Amino acid sequence: MQVPAITLDGLCADWSHLDLTKIDAEGAEDLVWEGMQRTLRRLPHAAVFLELHLQRDPPQTVGFLYEIERSSYPLRSISYEGEVVPVEADTILAQPQEHWTLWVSPG
């Protein structure tokens, strides 16, 4: 089955403002992230709410988390109590049975 698709860069190309994007792509989070890099550079105050299920996600998750860190977006975890706390990629990867909800936003 073929389904039409567009990147967020394509969708948001003429947007002047973007506050928040939610990524819950069941293992394709890295592809969504890759397809929104121009938008994030153009609209640098946009935040990303990201859900990861490491036990279901493919191994590219490892590189994906490090890519987020390298792109000057600090990783922050959102707890079930609603606290937003800094977290390192290594901490996330050390707990693959966990469901992670991340807040990725500039500085």
N, C-alpha and C. Protein backbone atom coordinates (compact mmCIF):
# COMPACT_ATOMS: atom_id res chain seq x y z
N MET A 1 0.84 -1.17 0.00
CA MET A 1 0.00 0.00 0.00
C MET A 1 0.89 1.24 0.00
N GLN A 2 0.60 2.17 -0.86
CA GLN A 2 1.33 3.43 -0.89
C GLN A 2 0.45 4.52 -0.29
N VAL A 3 1.10 5.34 0.52
CA VAL A 3 0.39 6.43 1.19
C VAL A 3 1.17 7.72 0.92
N PRO A 4 0.49 8.79 0.54
CA PRO A 4 1.22 10.04 0.33
C PRO A 4 1.81 10.54 1.64
N ALA A 5 2.98 11.10 1.57
CA ALA A 5 3.66 11.62 2.76
C ALA A 5 4.37 12.92 2.41
N ILE A 6 4.57 13.72 3.43
CA ILE A 6 5.31 14.97 3.27
C ILE A 6 6.13 15.18 4.54
N THR A 7 7.29 15.77 4.41
CA THR A 7 8.09 16.09 5.59
C THR A 7 7.49 17.31 6.28
N LEU A 8 7.86 17.50 7.53
CA LEU A 8 7.44 18.72 8.22
C LEU A 8 8.07 19.94 7.55
N ASP A 9 9.28 19.78 7.02
CA ASP A 9 9.89 20.90 6.28
C ASP A 9 9.01 21.31 5.12
N GLY A 10 8.45 20.35 4.41
CA GLY A 10 7.56 20.66 3.30
C GLY A 10 6.25 21.25 3.77
N LEU A 11 5.68 20.69 4.81
CA LEU A 11 4.41 21.16 5.33
C LEU A 11 4.50 22.57 5.90
N CYS A 12 5.58 22.86 6.60
CA CYS A 12 5.72 24.13 7.34
C CYS A 12 6.52 25.18 6.58
N ALA A 13 6.82 24.94 5.32
CA ALA A 13 7.72 25.82 4.56
C ALA A 13 7.30 27.28 4.58
N ASP A 14 6.01 27.56 4.57
CA ASP A 14 5.59 28.96 4.54
C ASP A 14 5.01 29.43 5.88
N TRP A 15 5.19 28.64 6.92
CA TRP A 15 4.70 29.04 8.24
C TRP A 15 5.65 30.07 8.84
N SER A 16 5.10 31.07 9.50
CA SER A 16 5.95 32.08 10.14
C SER A 16 6.17 31.77 11.61
N HIS A 17 5.44 30.79 12.14
CA HIS A 17 5.53 30.51 13.57
C HIS A 17 5.19 29.03 13.81
N LEU A 18 5.89 28.43 14.74
CA LEU A 18 5.61 27.06 15.16
C LEU A 18 6.01 26.95 16.63
N ASP A 19 5.08 26.60 17.49
CA ASP A 19 5.37 26.48 18.91
C ASP A 19 5.79 25.08 19.30
N LEU A 20 5.05 24.08 18.81
CA LEU A 20 5.24 22.72 19.31
C LEU A 20 4.94 21.69 18.23
N THR A 21 5.75 20.66 18.20
CA THR A 21 5.51 19.50 17.35
C THR A 21 5.56 18.27 18.23
N LYS A 22 4.62 17.36 18.05
CA LYS A 22 4.64 16.09 18.78
C LYS A 22 5.06 14.99 17.81
N ILE A 23 6.04 14.21 18.23
CA ILE A 23 6.48 13.07 17.43
C ILE A 23 6.18 11.80 18.22
N ASP A 24 5.33 10.97 17.65
CA ASP A 24 5.02 9.65 18.20
C ASP A 24 4.87 8.75 16.98
N ALA A 25 5.99 8.30 16.45
CA ALA A 25 6.02 7.65 15.15
C ALA A 25 6.34 6.16 15.22
N GLU A 26 6.25 5.56 16.41
CA GLU A 26 6.41 4.12 16.57
C GLU A 26 7.64 3.56 15.87
N GLY A 27 8.78 4.18 16.13
CA GLY A 27 10.04 3.68 15.59
C GLY A 27 10.59 4.50 14.44
N ALA A 28 9.85 5.44 13.93
CA ALA A 28 10.32 6.27 12.82
C ALA A 28 10.62 7.69 13.27
N GLU A 29 10.85 7.88 14.56
CA GLU A 29 11.10 9.21 15.10
C GLU A 29 12.29 9.88 14.44
N ASP A 30 13.32 9.10 14.15
CA ASP A 30 14.51 9.68 13.52
C ASP A 30 14.20 10.22 12.13
N LEU A 31 13.31 9.57 11.41
CA LEU A 31 12.94 10.06 10.08
C LEU A 31 12.14 11.35 10.17
N VAL A 32 11.25 11.44 11.14
CA VAL A 32 10.49 12.67 11.34
C VAL A 32 11.44 13.81 11.71
N TRP A 33 12.36 13.53 12.65
CA TRP A 33 13.35 14.53 13.07
C TRP A 33 14.18 15.02 11.87
N GLU A 34 14.61 14.08 11.06
CA GLU A 34 15.41 14.43 9.87
C GLU A 34 14.61 15.33 8.93
N GLY A 35 13.32 15.06 8.80
CA GLY A 35 12.47 15.82 7.89
C GLY A 35 11.96 17.14 8.44
N MET A 36 12.49 17.56 9.58
CA MET A 36 12.06 18.84 10.15
C MET A 36 13.23 19.76 10.49
N GLN A 37 14.43 19.43 10.05
CA GLN A 37 15.61 20.20 10.42
C GLN A 37 15.61 21.61 9.86
N ARG A 38 15.19 21.80 8.63
CA ARG A 38 15.12 23.17 8.08
C ARG A 38 14.13 24.01 8.87
N THR A 39 13.01 23.41 9.24
CA THR A 39 12.00 24.13 10.02
C THR A 39 12.55 24.53 11.37
N LEU A 40 13.26 23.62 12.05
CA LEU A 40 13.82 23.94 13.36
C LEU A 40 14.89 25.03 13.27
N ARG A 41 15.65 25.03 12.19
CA ARG A 41 16.65 26.10 12.01
C ARG A 41 15.96 27.44 11.71
N ARG A 42 14.90 27.40 10.93
CA ARG A 42 14.18 28.61 10.54
C ARG A 42 13.32 29.16 11.68
N LEU A 43 12.78 28.27 12.50
CA LEU A 43 11.91 28.66 13.62
C LEU A 43 12.52 28.09 14.91
N PRO A 44 13.62 28.68 15.37
CA PRO A 44 14.44 28.08 16.43
C PRO A 44 13.79 28.00 17.80
N HIS A 45 12.64 28.64 18.00
CA HIS A 45 12.01 28.56 19.32
C HIS A 45 11.00 27.42 19.41
N ALA A 46 10.83 26.69 18.33
CA ALA A 46 9.89 25.56 18.34
C ALA A 46 10.39 24.47 19.28
N ALA A 47 9.47 23.87 19.99
CA ALA A 47 9.78 22.75 20.88
C ALA A 47 9.23 21.46 20.28
N VAL A 48 9.82 20.35 20.69
CA VAL A 48 9.38 19.04 20.21
C VAL A 48 9.05 18.17 21.41
N PHE A 49 7.87 17.60 21.41
CA PHE A 49 7.41 16.64 22.40
C PHE A 49 7.56 15.28 21.73
N LEU A 50 8.37 14.41 22.32
CA LEU A 50 8.79 13.18 21.64
C LEU A 50 8.53 11.97 22.52
N GLU A 51 7.85 10.98 21.98
CA GLU A 51 7.62 9.74 22.70
C GLU A 51 8.49 8.64 22.13
N LEU A 52 9.18 7.94 23.02
CA LEU A 52 10.03 6.81 22.62
C LEU A 52 9.64 5.57 23.41
N HIS A 53 9.55 4.47 22.71
CA HIS A 53 9.36 3.16 23.32
C HIS A 53 10.57 2.33 22.89
N LEU A 54 11.61 2.33 23.69
CA LEU A 54 12.87 1.74 23.26
C LEU A 54 12.78 0.25 23.00
N GLN A 55 11.90 -0.46 23.68
CA GLN A 55 11.81 -1.89 23.46
C GLN A 55 11.21 -2.21 22.09
N ARG A 56 10.50 -1.26 21.48
CA ARG A 56 9.91 -1.46 20.15
C ARG A 56 10.72 -0.78 19.05
N ASP A 57 11.50 0.20 19.41
CA ASP A 57 12.18 1.00 18.40
C ASP A 57 13.42 0.28 17.88
N PRO A 58 13.73 0.50 16.63
CA PRO A 58 14.92 -0.13 16.04
C PRO A 58 16.21 0.47 16.57
N PRO A 59 17.33 -0.18 16.29
CA PRO A 59 18.62 0.28 16.82
C PRO A 59 19.03 1.70 16.42
N GLN A 60 18.45 2.26 15.38
CA GLN A 60 18.84 3.62 15.00
C GLN A 60 18.48 4.64 16.06
N THR A 61 17.69 4.24 17.06
CA THR A 61 17.35 5.14 18.16
C THR A 61 18.60 5.64 18.85
N VAL A 62 19.61 4.79 18.96
CA VAL A 62 20.86 5.17 19.63
C VAL A 62 21.46 6.38 18.92
N GLY A 63 21.66 6.29 17.62
CA GLY A 63 22.21 7.40 16.86
C GLY A 63 21.30 8.61 16.87
N PHE A 64 20.01 8.37 16.87
CA PHE A 64 19.04 9.46 16.87
C PHE A 64 19.15 10.30 18.14
N LEU A 65 19.25 9.67 19.29
CA LEU A 65 19.38 10.43 20.55
C LEU A 65 20.67 11.23 20.58
N TYR A 66 21.76 10.64 20.12
CA TYR A 66 23.02 11.38 20.09
C TYR A 66 22.97 12.52 19.08
N GLU A 67 22.24 12.33 17.99
CA GLU A 67 22.08 13.41 17.00
C GLU A 67 21.34 14.60 17.60
N ILE A 68 20.31 14.33 18.39
CA ILE A 68 19.59 15.42 19.06
C ILE A 68 20.55 16.19 19.97
N GLU A 69 21.33 15.47 20.75
CA GLU A 69 22.29 16.13 21.65
C GLU A 69 23.31 16.95 20.87
N ARG A 70 23.80 16.41 19.75
CA ARG A 70 24.80 17.13 18.94
C ARG A 70 24.22 18.37 18.27
N SER A 71 22.91 18.39 18.07
CA SER A 71 22.31 19.51 17.36
C SER A 71 21.93 20.66 18.29
N SER A 72 22.53 20.68 19.47
CA SER A 72 22.36 21.74 20.47
C SER A 72 20.96 21.81 21.07
N TYR A 73 20.24 20.72 21.00
CA TYR A 73 18.96 20.61 21.68
C TYR A 73 19.16 19.70 22.89
N PRO A 74 19.14 20.26 24.09
CA PRO A 74 19.31 19.40 25.27
C PRO A 74 18.10 18.48 25.43
N LEU A 75 18.37 17.25 25.83
CA LEU A 75 17.30 16.30 26.10
C LEU A 75 16.76 16.55 27.50
N ARG A 76 15.44 16.54 27.61
CA ARG A 76 14.80 16.64 28.91
C ARG A 76 13.69 15.60 28.95
N SER A 77 13.55 14.95 30.08
CA SER A 77 12.52 13.94 30.26
C SER A 77 11.33 14.57 30.97
N ILE A 78 10.14 14.16 30.58
CA ILE A 78 8.93 14.59 31.27
C ILE A 78 8.44 13.40 32.09
N SER A 79 8.41 13.58 33.41
CA SER A 79 7.99 12.50 34.30
C SER A 79 6.47 12.38 34.29
N TYR A 80 5.98 11.30 34.87
CA TYR A 80 4.53 11.11 34.98
C TYR A 80 3.89 12.18 35.86
N GLU A 81 4.70 12.81 36.71
CA GLU A 81 4.21 13.89 37.56
C GLU A 81 4.27 15.24 36.85
N GLY A 82 4.78 15.28 35.62
CA GLY A 82 4.84 16.51 34.85
C GLY A 82 6.13 17.30 35.02
N GLU A 83 7.09 16.76 35.76
CA GLU A 83 8.38 17.45 35.91
C GLU A 83 9.20 17.31 34.63
N VAL A 84 9.87 18.37 34.25
CA VAL A 84 10.76 18.35 33.10
C VAL A 84 12.18 18.45 33.64
N VAL A 85 12.96 17.37 33.44
CA VAL A 85 14.30 17.30 34.01
C VAL A 85 15.31 16.92 32.94
N PRO A 86 16.53 17.47 33.01
CA PRO A 86 17.56 17.09 32.05
C PRO A 86 17.85 15.59 32.12
N VAL A 87 18.14 15.02 30.96
CA VAL A 87 18.48 13.60 30.89
C VAL A 87 19.50 13.42 29.77
N GLU A 88 20.41 12.49 29.95
CA GLU A 88 21.42 12.18 28.94
C GLU A 88 20.97 11.00 28.10
N ALA A 89 21.43 10.94 26.87
CA ALA A 89 21.10 9.82 25.99
C ALA A 89 21.52 8.50 26.62
N ASP A 90 22.68 8.46 27.27
CA ASP A 90 23.14 7.23 27.90
C ASP A 90 22.18 6.74 28.98
N THR A 91 21.57 7.65 29.72
CA THR A 91 20.60 7.28 30.75
C THR A 91 19.37 6.65 30.11
N ILE A 92 18.90 7.24 29.04
CA ILE A 92 17.74 6.70 28.33
C ILE A 92 18.05 5.31 27.80
N LEU A 93 19.20 5.15 27.18
CA LEU A 93 19.56 3.88 26.56
C LEU A 93 19.83 2.79 27.60
N ALA A 94 20.19 3.17 28.81
CA ALA A 94 20.43 2.20 29.87
C ALA A 94 19.13 1.63 30.44
N GLN A 95 17.99 2.22 30.07
CA GLN A 95 16.69 1.77 30.58
C GLN A 95 15.74 1.49 29.42
N PRO A 96 16.10 0.53 28.55
CA PRO A 96 15.31 0.31 27.33
C PRO A 96 13.90 -0.20 27.58
N GLN A 97 13.61 -0.71 28.76
CA GLN A 97 12.26 -1.19 29.04
C GLN A 97 11.31 -0.04 29.33
N GLU A 98 11.85 1.13 29.50
CA GLU A 98 11.05 2.30 29.86
C GLU A 98 10.42 2.96 28.64
N HIS A 99 9.28 3.56 28.88
CA HIS A 99 8.66 4.48 27.92
C HIS A 99 9.18 5.86 28.28
N TRP A 100 9.70 6.57 27.31
CA TRP A 100 10.27 7.89 27.57
C TRP A 100 9.45 8.95 26.86
N THR A 101 9.13 10.00 27.59
CA THR A 101 8.51 11.18 27.00
C THR A 101 9.54 12.30 27.15
N LEU A 102 9.96 12.84 26.04
CA LEU A 102 11.04 13.83 26.03
C LEU A 102 10.53 15.20 25.58
N TRP A 103 11.13 16.22 26.16
CA TRP A 103 10.91 17.60 25.76
C TRP A 103 12.21 18.08 25.15
N VAL A 104 12.18 18.39 23.87
CA VAL A 104 13.38 18.82 23.16
C VAL A 104 13.13 20.25 22.70
N SER A 105 13.89 21.17 23.30
CA SER A 105 13.73 22.57 22.92
C SER A 105 15.08 23.26 23.08
N PRO A 106 15.27 24.36 22.38
CA PRO A 106 16.56 25.05 22.45
C PRO A 106 16.87 25.49 23.89
N GLY A 107 18.18 25.44 24.19
CA GLY A 107 18.73 25.93 25.45
C GLY A 107 17.79 26.07 26.53
